Amino acid sequence: MKQFKMKMLVILAVAAIVSGCGKVDTTYKPKENTELTKEEKVAEERMVIQIAKNYVKKTYGEITDHQHFDAKREKDGTYTVHVYRDLGDHNEGIAWLNVNPKTKKVIDGVN
């Protein structure tokens, strides 16, 4: 009888381990690669500035020769774009935009 109980205990322990008792979450979560090559960064920044230009043109009107777009990549992968007009002795701010290069979504007035 003692051997039977030991065998059953071993079988139950093995079954508990195999069935996932204390199982670690092994769902696949791809790691987002935020490290881009220099060429990828340049291409992404160009795309972001073009998205910002399209947004400004649609929202604020035509873009003039004196308007400038400065983009800065944030830690979360989005870009803060400062849109301003160069008036020679000073700059006039037009907009601060947050541009997500993946979704192409623009949020106005972020700064």
PDB file of N, CA and C in Angstrom:
ATOM      1  N   MET A   1       0.820  -1.183   0.000  1.00  0.00           N
ATOM      2  CA  MET A   1       0.000   0.000   0.000  1.00  0.00           C
ATOM      3  C   MET A   1       0.877   1.265   0.000  1.00  0.00           C
ATOM      4  N   LYS A   2       1.994   1.212   0.741  1.00  0.00           N
ATOM      5  CA  LYS A   2       2.889   2.346   0.807  1.00  0.00           C
ATOM      6  C   LYS A   2       3.501   2.653  -0.564  1.00  0.00           C
ATOM      7  N   GLN A   3       3.859   1.600  -1.305  1.00  0.00           N
ATOM      8  CA  GLN A   3       4.427   1.786  -2.642  1.00  0.00           C
ATOM      9  C   GLN A   3       3.388   2.409  -3.574  1.00  0.00           C
ATOM     10  N   PHE A   4       2.158   1.995  -3.444  1.00  0.00           N
ATOM     11  CA  PHE A   4       1.078   2.529  -4.282  1.00  0.00           C
ATOM     12  C   PHE A   4       0.913   4.033  -4.033  1.00  0.00           C
ATOM     13  N   LYS A   5       0.935   4.445  -2.754  1.00  0.00           N
ATOM     14  CA  LYS A   5       0.786   5.858  -2.411  1.00  0.00           C
ATOM     15  C   LYS A   5       1.966   6.670  -2.954  1.00  0.00           C
ATOM     16  N   MET A   6       3.162   6.136  -2.855  1.00  0.00           N
ATOM     17  CA  MET A   6       4.340   6.833  -3.356  1.00  0.00           C
ATOM     18  C   MET A   6       4.266   7.000  -4.882  1.00  0.00           C
ATOM     19  N   LYS A   7       3.839   5.923  -5.576  1.00  0.00           N
ATOM     20  CA  LYS A   7       3.723   5.988  -7.030  1.00  0.00           C
ATOM     21  C   LYS A   7       2.679   7.022  -7.435  1.00  0.00           C
ATOM     22  N   MET A   8       1.560   7.046  -6.704  1.00  0.00           N
ATOM     23  CA  MET A   8       0.494   8.008  -7.009  1.00  0.00           C
ATOM     24  C   MET A   8       0.977   9.442  -6.743  1.00  0.00           C
ATOM     25  N   LEU A   9       1.717   9.620  -5.674  1.00  0.00           N
ATOM     26  CA  LEU A   9       2.248  10.936  -5.336  1.00  0.00           C
ATOM     27  C   LEU A   9       3.217  11.423  -6.419  1.00  0.00           C
ATOM     28  N   VAL A  10       4.068  10.534  -6.900  1.00  0.00           N
ATOM     29  CA  VAL A  10       5.014  10.877  -7.962  1.00  0.00           C
ATOM     30  C   VAL A  10       4.256  11.201  -9.248  1.00  0.00           C
ATOM     31  N   ILE A  11       3.251  10.402  -9.573  1.00  0.00           N
ATOM     32  CA  ILE A  11       2.455  10.625 -10.788  1.00  0.00           C
ATOM     33  C   ILE A  11       1.734  11.970 -10.707  1.00  0.00           C
ATOM     34  N   LEU A  12       1.150  12.278  -9.556  1.00  0.00           N
ATOM     35  CA  LEU A  12       0.460  13.560  -9.379  1.00  0.00           C
ATOM     36  C   LEU A  12       1.431  14.746  -9.473  1.00  0.00           C
ATOM     37  N   ALA A  13       2.614  14.598  -8.895  1.00  0.00           N
ATOM     38  CA  ALA A  13       3.616  15.664  -8.948  1.00  0.00           C
ATOM     39  C   ALA A  13       4.058  15.905 -10.387  1.00  0.00           C
ATOM     40  N   VAL A  14       4.298  14.829 -11.128  1.00  0.00           N
ATOM     41  CA  VAL A  14       4.707  14.952 -12.527  1.00  0.00           C
ATOM     42  C   VAL A  14       3.582  15.583 -13.346  1.00  0.00           C
ATOM     43  N   ALA A  15       2.345  15.145 -13.092  1.00  0.00           N
ATOM     44  CA  ALA A  15       1.199  15.694 -13.816  1.00  0.00           C
ATOM     45  C   ALA A  15       1.051  17.190 -13.526  1.00  0.00           C
ATOM     46  N   ALA A  16       1.268  17.613 -12.287  1.00  0.00           N
ATOM     47  CA  ALA A  16       1.155  19.022 -11.922  1.00  0.00           C
ATOM     48  C   ALA A  16       2.235  19.848 -12.622  1.00  0.00           C
ATOM     49  N   ILE A  17       3.424  19.306 -12.682  1.00  0.00           N
ATOM     50  CA  ILE A  17       4.526  20.021 -13.328  1.00  0.00           C
ATOM     51  C   ILE A  17       4.282  20.124 -14.829  1.00  0.00           C
ATOM     52  N   VAL A  18       3.861  19.033 -15.441  1.00  0.00           N
ATOM     53  CA  VAL A  18       3.627  19.004 -16.884  1.00  0.00           C
ATOM     54  C   VAL A  18       2.443  19.891 -17.259  1.00  0.00           C
ATOM     55  N   SER A  19       1.405  19.928 -16.422  1.00  0.00           N
ATOM     56  CA  SER A  19       0.207  20.693 -16.761  1.00  0.00           C
ATOM     57  C   SER A  19       0.402  22.194 -16.564  1.00  0.00           C
ATOM     58  N   GLY A  20       1.474  22.607 -15.936  1.00  0.00           N
ATOM     59  CA  GLY A  20       1.764  24.026 -15.862  1.00  0.00           C
ATOM     60  C   GLY A  20       1.598  24.638 -14.492  1.00  0.00           C
ATOM     61  N   CYS A  21       1.615  23.880 -13.486  1.00  0.00           N
ATOM     62  CA  CYS A  21       1.543  24.432 -12.141  1.00  0.00           C
ATOM     63  C   CYS A  21       2.785  25.283 -11.926  1.00  0.00           C
ATOM     64  N   GLY A  22       2.590  26.579 -11.667  1.00  0.00           N
ATOM     65  CA  GLY A  22       3.729  27.480 -11.509  1.00  0.00           C
ATOM     66  C   GLY A  22       4.345  27.842 -12.841  1.00  0.00           C
ATOM     67  N   LYS A  23       3.551  27.771 -13.901  1.00  0.00           N
ATOM     68  CA  LYS A  23       4.029  28.011 -15.248  1.00  0.00           C
ATOM     69  C   LYS A  23       4.420  29.482 -15.448  1.00  0.00           C
ATOM     70  N   VAL A  24       5.530  29.701 -16.107  1.00  0.00           N
ATOM     71  CA  VAL A  24       6.006  31.038 -16.425  1.00  0.00           C
ATOM     72  C   VAL A  24       5.338  31.479 -17.718  1.00  0.00           C
ATOM     73  N   ASP A  25       4.953  32.758 -17.780  1.00  0.00           N
ATOM     74  CA  ASP A  25       4.320  33.301 -18.976  1.00  0.00           C
ATOM     75  C   ASP A  25       5.310  33.259 -20.132  1.00  0.00           C
ATOM     76  N   THR A  26       4.983  32.456 -21.142  1.00  0.00           N
ATOM     77  CA  THR A  26       5.890  32.321 -22.286  1.00  0.00           C
ATOM     78  C   THR A  26       5.270  32.865 -23.560  1.00  0.00           C
ATOM     79  N   THR A  27       4.269  33.744 -23.431  1.00  0.00           N
ATOM     80  CA  THR A  27       3.662  34.312 -24.627  1.00  0.00           C
ATOM     81  C   THR A  27       4.703  35.135 -25.378  1.00  0.00           C
ATOM     82  N   TYR A  28       4.603  35.118 -26.669  1.00  0.00           N
ATOM     83  CA  TYR A  28       5.576  35.796 -27.513  1.00  0.00           C
ATOM     84  C   TYR A  28       5.308  37.295 -27.492  1.00  0.00           C
ATOM     85  N   LYS A  29       6.297  38.051 -27.068  1.00  0.00           N
ATOM     86  CA  LYS A  29       6.220  39.506 -27.075  1.00  0.00           C
ATOM     87  C   LYS A  29       7.435  40.006 -27.833  1.00  0.00           C
ATOM     88  N   PRO A  30       7.232  40.358 -29.105  1.00  0.00           N
ATOM     89  CA  PRO A  30       8.395  40.800 -29.872  1.00  0.00           C
ATOM     90  C   PRO A  30       8.973  42.075 -29.292  1.00  0.00           C
ATOM     91  N   LYS A  31      10.273  42.119 -29.235  1.00  0.00           N
ATOM     92  CA  LYS A  31      10.970  43.295 -28.724  1.00  0.00           C
ATOM     93  C   LYS A  31      11.039  44.322 -29.841  1.00  0.00           C
ATOM     94  N   GLU A  32      10.578  45.525 -29.539  1.00  0.00           N
ATOM     95  CA  GLU A  32      10.619  46.559 -30.559  1.00  0.00           C
ATOM     96  C   GLU A  32      12.034  47.096 -30.662  1.00  0.00           C
ATOM     97  N   ASN A  33      12.552  47.064 -31.865  1.00  0.00           N
ATOM     98  CA  ASN A  33      13.908  47.531 -32.083  1.00  0.00           C
ATOM     99  C   ASN A  33      13.879  49.035 -32.310  1.00  0.00           C
ATOM    100  N   THR A  34      14.314  49.795 -31.320  1.00  0.00           N
ATOM    101  CA  THR A  34      14.314  51.241 -31.441  1.00  0.00           C
ATOM    102  C   THR A  34      15.630  51.757 -32.006  1.00  0.00           C
ATOM    103  N   GLU A  35      16.600  50.886 -32.157  1.00  0.00           N
ATOM    104  CA  GLU A  35      17.876  51.291 -32.720  1.00  0.00           C
ATOM    105  C   GLU A  35      17.789  51.254 -34.245  1.00  0.00           C
ATOM    106  N   LEU A  36      17.897  52.408 -34.855  1.00  0.00           N
ATOM    107  CA  LEU A  36      17.848  52.496 -36.305  1.00  0.00           C
ATOM    108  C   LEU A  36      19.235  52.830 -36.830  1.00  0.00           C
ATOM    109  N   THR A  37      19.491  52.412 -38.050  1.00  0.00           N
ATOM    110  CA  THR A  37      20.748  52.798 -38.680  1.00  0.00           C
ATOM    111  C   THR A  37      20.672  54.281 -39.030  1.00  0.00           C
ATOM    112  N   LYS A  38      21.800  54.869 -39.361  1.00  0.00           N
ATOM    113  CA  LYS A  38      21.841  56.292 -39.702  1.00  0.00           C
ATOM    114  C   LYS A  38      20.945  56.581 -40.903  1.00  0.00           C
ATOM    115  N   GLU A  39      20.995  55.708 -41.896  1.00  0.00           N
ATOM    116  CA  GLU A  39      20.178  55.889 -43.098  1.00  0.00           C
ATOM    117  C   GLU A  39      18.691  55.785 -42.772  1.00  0.00           C
ATOM    118  N   GLU A  40      18.324  54.838 -41.889  1.00  0.00           N
ATOM    119  CA  GLU A  40      16.924  54.684 -41.488  1.00  0.00           C
ATOM    120  C   GLU A  40      16.435  55.905 -40.716  1.00  0.00           C
ATOM    121  N   LYS A  41      17.305  56.460 -39.868  1.00  0.00           N
ATOM    122  CA  LYS A  41      16.936  57.659 -39.109  1.00  0.00           C
ATOM    123  C   LYS A  41      16.677  58.836 -40.038  1.00  0.00           C
ATOM    124  N   VAL A  42      17.548  59.007 -41.029  1.00  0.00           N
ATOM    125  CA  VAL A  42      17.394  60.108 -41.987  1.00  0.00           C
ATOM    126  C   VAL A  42      16.100  59.933 -42.775  1.00  0.00           C
ATOM    127  N   ALA A  43      15.853  58.716 -43.248  1.00  0.00           N
ATOM    128  CA  ALA A  43      14.642  58.445 -44.024  1.00  0.00           C
ATOM    129  C   ALA A  43      13.388  58.654 -43.171  1.00  0.00           C
ATOM    130  N   GLU A  44      13.432  58.189 -41.919  1.00  0.00           N
ATOM    131  CA  GLU A  44      12.282  58.344 -41.031  1.00  0.00           C
ATOM    132  C   GLU A  44      12.027  59.823 -40.733  1.00  0.00           C
ATOM    133  N   GLU A  45      13.094  60.587 -40.490  1.00  0.00           N
ATOM    134  CA  GLU A  45      12.937  62.009 -40.206  1.00  0.00           C
ATOM    135  C   GLU A  45      12.363  62.747 -41.410  1.00  0.00           C
ATOM    136  N   ARG A  46      12.806  62.395 -42.608  1.00  0.00           N
ATOM    137  CA  ARG A  46      12.249  63.008 -43.827  1.00  0.00           C
ATOM    138  C   ARG A  46      10.762  62.719 -43.946  1.00  0.00           C
ATOM    139  N   MET A  47      10.386  61.473 -43.659  1.00  0.00           N
ATOM    140  CA  MET A  47       8.975  61.086 -43.730  1.00  0.00           C
ATOM    141  C   MET A  47       8.159  61.868 -42.703  1.00  0.00           C
ATOM    142  N   VAL A  48       8.698  62.000 -41.482  1.00  0.00           N
ATOM    143  CA  VAL A  48       8.002  62.725 -40.421  1.00  0.00           C
ATOM    144  C   VAL A  48       7.820  64.191 -40.806  1.00  0.00           C
ATOM    145  N   ILE A  49       8.854  64.803 -41.351  1.00  0.00           N
ATOM    146  CA  ILE A  49       8.747  66.210 -41.762  1.00  0.00           C
ATOM    147  C   ILE A  49       7.728  66.361 -42.883  1.00  0.00           C
ATOM    148  N   GLN A  50       7.673  65.397 -43.795  1.00  0.00           N
ATOM    149  CA  GLN A  50       6.679  65.464 -44.871  1.00  0.00           C
ATOM    150  C   GLN A  50       5.258  65.334 -44.305  1.00  0.00           C
ATOM    151  N   ILE A  51       5.084  64.444 -43.328  1.00  0.00           N
ATOM    152  CA  ILE A  51       3.774  64.305 -42.667  1.00  0.00           C
ATOM    153  C   ILE A  51       3.406  65.627 -41.993  1.00  0.00           C
ATOM    154  N   ALA A  52       4.376  66.244 -41.312  1.00  0.00           N
ATOM    155  CA  ALA A  52       4.136  67.521 -40.645  1.00  0.00           C
ATOM    156  C   ALA A  52       3.799  68.609 -41.661  1.00  0.00           C
ATOM    157  N   LYS A  53       4.503  68.652 -42.791  1.00  0.00           N
ATOM    158  CA  LYS A  53       4.221  69.653 -43.825  1.00  0.00           C
ATOM    159  C   LYS A  53       2.807  69.483 -44.375  1.00  0.00           C
ATOM    160  N   ASN A  54       2.412  68.248 -44.625  1.00  0.00           N
ATOM    161  CA  ASN A  54       1.052  67.997 -45.120  1.00  0.00           C
ATOM    162  C   ASN A  54       0.014  68.469 -44.110  1.00  0.00           C
ATOM    163  N   TYR A  55       0.283  68.211 -42.833  1.00  0.00           N
ATOM    164  CA  TYR A  55      -0.636  68.616 -41.775  1.00  0.00           C
ATOM    165  C   TYR A  55      -0.716  70.146 -41.688  1.00  0.00           C
ATOM    166  N   VAL A  56       0.430  70.822 -41.714  1.00  0.00           N
ATOM    167  CA  VAL A  56       0.464  72.283 -41.619  1.00  0.00           C
ATOM    168  C   VAL A  56      -0.238  72.907 -42.820  1.00  0.00           C
ATOM    169  N   LYS A  57       0.008  72.364 -43.987  1.00  0.00           N
ATOM    170  CA  LYS A  57      -0.627  72.888 -45.205  1.00  0.00           C
ATOM    171  C   LYS A  57      -2.153  72.763 -45.110  1.00  0.00           C
ATOM    172  N   LYS A  58      -2.607  71.622 -44.609  1.00  0.00           N
ATOM    173  CA  LYS A  58      -4.042  71.380 -44.487  1.00  0.00           C
ATOM    174  C   LYS A  58      -4.667  72.230 -43.368  1.00  0.00           C
ATOM    175  N   THR A  59      -3.927  72.429 -42.278  1.00  0.00           N
ATOM    176  CA  THR A  59      -4.473  73.090 -41.095  1.00  0.00           C
ATOM    177  C   THR A  59      -4.236  74.593 -41.075  1.00  0.00           C
ATOM    178  N   TYR A  60      -3.031  75.021 -41.477  1.00  0.00           N
ATOM    179  CA  TYR A  60      -2.653  76.429 -41.357  1.00  0.00           C
ATOM    180  C   TYR A  60      -2.562  77.158 -42.694  1.00  0.00           C
ATOM    181  N   GLY A  61      -2.667  76.466 -43.794  1.00  0.00           N
ATOM    182  CA  GLY A  61      -2.561  77.100 -45.109  1.00  0.00           C
ATOM    183  C   GLY A  61      -1.223  76.800 -45.761  1.00  0.00           C
ATOM    184  N   GLU A  62      -0.987  77.480 -46.873  1.00  0.00           N
ATOM    185  CA  GLU A  62       0.221  77.243 -47.672  1.00  0.00           C
ATOM    186  C   GLU A  62       1.504  77.461 -46.870  1.00  0.00           C
ATOM    187  N   ILE A  63       2.517  76.713 -47.239  1.00  0.00           N
ATOM    188  CA  ILE A  63       3.829  76.820 -46.608  1.00  0.00           C
ATOM    189  C   ILE A  63       4.654  77.829 -47.395  1.00  0.00           C
ATOM    190  N   THR A  64       5.279  78.762 -46.669  1.00  0.00           N
ATOM    191  CA  THR A  64       6.102  79.794 -47.321  1.00  0.00           C
ATOM    192  C   THR A  64       7.577  79.391 -47.292  1.00  0.00           C
ATOM    193  N   ASP A  65       8.383  80.152 -47.994  1.00  0.00           N
ATOM    194  CA  ASP A  65       9.826  79.880 -48.043  1.00  0.00           C
ATOM    195  C   ASP A  65      10.500  80.079 -46.686  1.00  0.00           C
ATOM    196  N   HIS A  66       9.918  80.910 -45.840  1.00  0.00           N
ATOM    197  CA  HIS A  66      10.539  81.237 -44.555  1.00  0.00           C
ATOM    198  C   HIS A  66      10.115  80.287 -43.432  1.00  0.00           C
ATOM    199  N   GLN A  67       9.278  79.331 -43.735  1.00  0.00           N
ATOM    200  CA  GLN A  67       8.854  78.374 -42.710  1.00  0.00           C
ATOM    201  C   GLN A  67       9.858  77.234 -42.621  1.00  0.00           C
ATOM    202  N   HIS A  68      10.134  76.807 -41.391  1.00  0.00           N
ATOM    203  CA  HIS A  68      11.098  75.732 -41.156  1.00  0.00           C
ATOM    204  C   HIS A  68      10.472  74.665 -40.271  1.00  0.00           C
ATOM    205  N   PHE A  69      10.943  73.445 -40.436  1.00  0.00           N
ATOM    206  CA  PHE A  69      10.465  72.295 -39.673  1.00  0.00           C
ATOM    207  C   PHE A  69      11.660  71.608 -39.035  1.00  0.00           C
ATOM    208  N   ASP A  70      11.736  71.629 -37.716  1.00  0.00           N
ATOM    209  CA  ASP A  70      12.802  70.939 -36.990  1.00  0.00           C
ATOM    210  C   ASP A  70      12.196  69.756 -36.257  1.00  0.00           C
ATOM    211  N   ALA A  71      12.730  68.559 -36.506  1.00  0.00           N
ATOM    212  CA  ALA A  71      12.197  67.344 -35.895  1.00  0.00           C
ATOM    213  C   ALA A  71      13.209  66.751 -34.923  1.00  0.00           C
ATOM    214  N   LYS A  72      12.701  66.295 -33.783  1.00  0.00           N
ATOM    215  CA  LYS A  72      13.545  65.649 -32.787  1.00  0.00           C
ATOM    216  C   LYS A  72      12.886  64.334 -32.386  1.00  0.00           C
ATOM    217  N   ARG A  73      13.638  63.239 -32.476  1.00  0.00           N
ATOM    218  CA  ARG A  73      13.108  61.918 -32.122  1.00  0.00           C
ATOM    219  C   ARG A  73      13.088  61.762 -30.611  1.00  0.00           C
ATOM    220  N   GLU A  74      11.932  61.357 -30.083  1.00  0.00           N
ATOM    221  CA  GLU A  74      11.761  61.138 -28.654  1.00  0.00           C
ATOM    222  C   GLU A  74      12.061  59.675 -28.310  1.00  0.00           C
ATOM    223  N   LYS A  75      12.169  59.372 -27.017  1.00  0.00           N
ATOM    224  CA  LYS A  75      12.484  58.006 -26.566  1.00  0.00           C
ATOM    225  C   LYS A  75      11.418  56.994 -26.961  1.00  0.00           C
ATOM    226  N   ASP A  76      10.156  57.443 -27.070  1.00  0.00           N
ATOM    227  CA  ASP A  76       9.072  56.516 -27.404  1.00  0.00           C
ATOM    228  C   ASP A  76       8.938  56.261 -28.907  1.00  0.00           C
ATOM    229  N   GLY A  77       9.826  56.870 -29.709  1.00  0.00           N
ATOM    230  CA  GLY A  77       9.813  56.638 -31.152  1.00  0.00           C
ATOM    231  C   GLY A  77       9.020  57.675 -31.926  1.00  0.00           C
ATOM    232  N   THR A  78       8.291  58.551 -31.235  1.00  0.00           N
ATOM    233  CA  THR A  78       7.586  59.626 -31.919  1.00  0.00           C
ATOM    234  C   THR A  78       8.539  60.802 -32.107  1.00  0.00           C
ATOM    235  N   TYR A  79       8.085  61.780 -32.866  1.00  0.00           N
ATOM    236  CA  TYR A  79       8.903  62.965 -33.127  1.00  0.00           C
ATOM    237  C   TYR A  79       8.161  64.213 -32.665  1.00  0.00           C
ATOM    238  N   THR A  80       8.904  65.130 -32.064  1.00  0.00           N
ATOM    239  CA  THR A  80       8.382  66.456 -31.788  1.00  0.00           C
ATOM    240  C   THR A  80       8.891  67.351 -32.906  1.00  0.00           C
ATOM    241  N   VAL A  81       7.962  67.990 -33.597  1.00  0.00           N
ATOM    242  CA  VAL A  81       8.320  68.843 -34.728  1.00  0.00           C
ATOM    243  C   VAL A  81       7.960  70.283 -34.379  1.00  0.00           C
ATOM    244  N   HIS A  82       8.959  71.152 -34.434  1.00  0.00           N
ATOM    245  CA  HIS A  82       8.749  72.583 -34.203  1.00  0.00           C
ATOM    246  C   HIS A  82       8.627  73.241 -35.571  1.00  0.00           C
ATOM    247  N   VAL A  83       7.496  73.888 -35.794  1.00  0.00           N
ATOM    248  CA  VAL A  83       7.259  74.598 -37.051  1.00  0.00           C
ATOM    249  C   VAL A  83       7.345  76.086 -36.731  1.00  0.00           C
ATOM    250  N   TYR A  84       8.225  76.798 -37.450  1.00  0.00           N
ATOM    251  CA  TYR A  84       8.386  78.221 -37.176  1.00  0.00           C
ATOM    252  C   TYR A  84       8.705  78.981 -38.450  1.00  0.00           C
ATOM    253  N   ARG A  85       8.511  80.282 -38.372  1.00  0.00           N
ATOM    254  CA  ARG A  85       8.793  81.175 -39.485  1.00  0.00           C
ATOM    255  C   ARG A  85      10.018  82.003 -39.120  1.00  0.00           C
ATOM    256  N   ASP A  86      11.011  82.026 -40.000  1.00  0.00           N
ATOM    257  CA  ASP A  86      12.233  82.808 -39.792  1.00  0.00           C
ATOM    258  C   ASP A  86      11.979  84.222 -40.310  1.00  0.00           C
ATOM    259  N   LEU A  87      11.971  85.192 -39.397  1.00  0.00           N
ATOM    260  CA  LEU A  87      11.719  86.589 -39.763  1.00  0.00           C
ATOM    261  C   LEU A  87      13.005  87.418 -39.781  1.00  0.00           C
ATOM    262  N   GLY A  88      14.139  86.756 -39.845  1.00  0.00           N
ATOM    263  CA  GLY A  88      15.430  87.448 -39.906  1.00  0.00           C
ATOM    264  C   GLY A  88      16.023  87.679 -38.539  1.00  0.00           C
ATOM    265  N   ASP A  89      15.468  88.640 -37.801  1.00  0.00           N
ATOM    266  CA  ASP A  89      16.018  88.953 -36.485  1.00  0.00           C
ATOM    267  C   ASP A  89      15.410  88.102 -35.371  1.00  0.00           C
ATOM    268  N   HIS A  90      14.333  87.398 -35.672  1.00  0.00           N
ATOM    269  CA  HIS A  90      13.724  86.485 -34.694  1.00  0.00           C
ATOM    270  C   HIS A  90      12.856  85.458 -35.414  1.00  0.00           C
ATOM    271  N   ASN A  91      12.455  84.453 -34.669  1.00  0.00           N
ATOM    272  CA  ASN A  91      11.589  83.408 -35.210  1.00  0.00           C
ATOM    273  C   ASN A  91      10.191  83.541 -34.635  1.00  0.00           C
ATOM    274  N   GLU A  92       9.211  83.218 -35.454  1.00  0.00           N
ATOM    275  CA  GLU A  92       7.825  83.228 -35.004  1.00  0.00           C
ATOM    276  C   GLU A  92       7.322  81.783 -35.013  1.00  0.00           C
ATOM    277  N   GLY A  93       6.942  81.291 -33.835  1.00  0.00           N
ATOM    278  CA  GLY A  93       6.448  79.925 -33.743  1.00  0.00           C
ATOM    279  C   GLY A  93       5.095  79.767 -34.399  1.00  0.00           C
ATOM    280  N   ILE A  94       4.938  78.701 -35.130  1.00  0.00           N
ATOM    281  CA  ILE A  94       3.660  78.412 -35.779  1.00  0.00           C
ATOM    282  C   ILE A  94       2.976  77.247 -35.079  1.00  0.00           C
ATOM    283  N   ALA A  95       3.736  76.172 -34.827  1.00  0.00           N
ATOM    284  CA  ALA A  95       3.119  75.000 -34.197  1.00  0.00           C
ATOM    285  C   ALA A  95       4.180  74.089 -33.600  1.00  0.00           C
ATOM    286  N   TRP A  96       3.768  73.343 -32.587  1.00  0.00           N
ATOM    287  CA  TRP A  96       4.533  72.232 -32.043  1.00  0.00           C
ATOM    288  C   TRP A  96       3.691  70.997 -32.324  1.00  0.00           C
ATOM    289  N   LEU A  97       4.263  70.043 -33.021  1.00  0.00           N
ATOM    290  CA  LEU A  97       3.520  68.845 -33.407  1.00  0.00           C
ATOM    291  C   LEU A  97       4.199  67.603 -32.848  1.00  0.00           C
ATOM    292  N   ASN A  98       3.394  66.602 -32.541  1.00  0.00           N
ATOM    293  CA  ASN A  98       3.911  65.281 -32.200  1.00  0.00           C
ATOM    294  C   ASN A  98       3.502  64.368 -33.338  1.00  0.00           C
ATOM    295  N   VAL A  99       4.471  63.768 -34.004  1.00  0.00           N
ATOM    296  CA  VAL A  99       4.201  62.913 -35.162  1.00  0.00           C
ATOM    297  C   VAL A  99       4.647  61.503 -34.852  1.00  0.00           C
ATOM    298  N   ASN A 100       3.734  60.554 -35.035  1.00  0.00           N
ATOM    299  CA  ASN A 100       4.052  59.139 -34.862  1.00  0.00           C
ATOM    300  C   ASN A 100       4.340  58.564 -36.244  1.00  0.00           C
ATOM    301  N   PRO A 101       5.585  58.173 -36.524  1.00  0.00           N
ATOM    302  CA  PRO A 101       5.923  57.687 -37.868  1.00  0.00           C
ATOM    303  C   PRO A 101       5.261  56.356 -38.224  1.00  0.00           C
ATOM    304  N   LYS A 102       4.876  55.579 -37.220  1.00  0.00           N
ATOM    305  CA  LYS A 102       4.248  54.281 -37.508  1.00  0.00           C
ATOM    306  C   LYS A 102       2.790  54.449 -37.892  1.00  0.00           C
ATOM    307  N   THR A 103       2.055  55.256 -37.130  1.00  0.00           N
ATOM    308  CA  THR A 103       0.630  55.438 -37.391  1.00  0.00           C
ATOM    309  C   THR A 103       0.360  56.647 -38.282  1.00  0.00           C
ATOM    310  N   LYS A 104       1.356  57.500 -38.442  1.00  0.00           N
ATOM    311  CA  LYS A 104       1.261  58.744 -39.204  1.00  0.00           C
ATOM    312  C   LYS A 104       0.251  59.710 -38.584  1.00  0.00           C
ATOM    313  N   LYS A 105       0.017  59.545 -37.300  1.00  0.00           N
ATOM    314  CA  LYS A 105      -0.909  60.414 -36.570  1.00  0.00           C
ATOM    315  C   LYS A 105      -0.150  61.659 -36.096  1.00  0.00           C
ATOM    316  N   VAL A 106      -0.829  62.818 -36.183  1.00  0.00           N
ATOM    317  CA  VAL A 106      -0.247  64.090 -35.770  1.00  0.00           C
ATOM    318  C   VAL A 106      -1.084  64.648 -34.618  1.00  0.00           C
ATOM    319  N   ILE A 107      -0.408  65.056 -33.557  1.00  0.00           N
ATOM    320  CA  ILE A 107      -1.059  65.735 -32.443  1.00  0.00           C
ATOM    321  C   ILE A 107      -0.515  67.153 -32.408  1.00  0.00           C
ATOM    322  N   ASP A 108      -1.407  68.113 -32.475  1.00  0.00           N
ATOM    323  CA  ASP A 108      -1.028  69.526 -32.505  1.00  0.00           C
ATOM    324  C   ASP A 108      -0.951  70.092 -31.091  1.00  0.00           C
ATOM    325  N   GLY A 109      -0.029  71.029 -30.870  1.00  0.00           N
ATOM    326  CA  GLY A 109       0.067  71.742 -29.611  1.00  0.00           C
ATOM    327  C   GLY A 109       0.656  70.934 -28.479  1.00  0.00           C
ATOM    328  N   VAL A 110       1.739  70.227 -28.735  1.00  0.00           N
ATOM    329  CA  VAL A 110       2.305  69.334 -27.716  1.00  0.00           C
ATOM    330  C   VAL A 110       3.317  69.994 -26.809  1.00  0.00           C
ATOM    331  N   ASN A 111       3.774  71.180 -27.117  1.00  0.00           N
ATOM    332  CA  ASN A 111       4.803  71.786 -26.275  1.00  0.00           C
ATOM    333  C   ASN A 111       4.286  72.982 -25.550  1.00  0.00           C
TER     334      ASN A 111
END
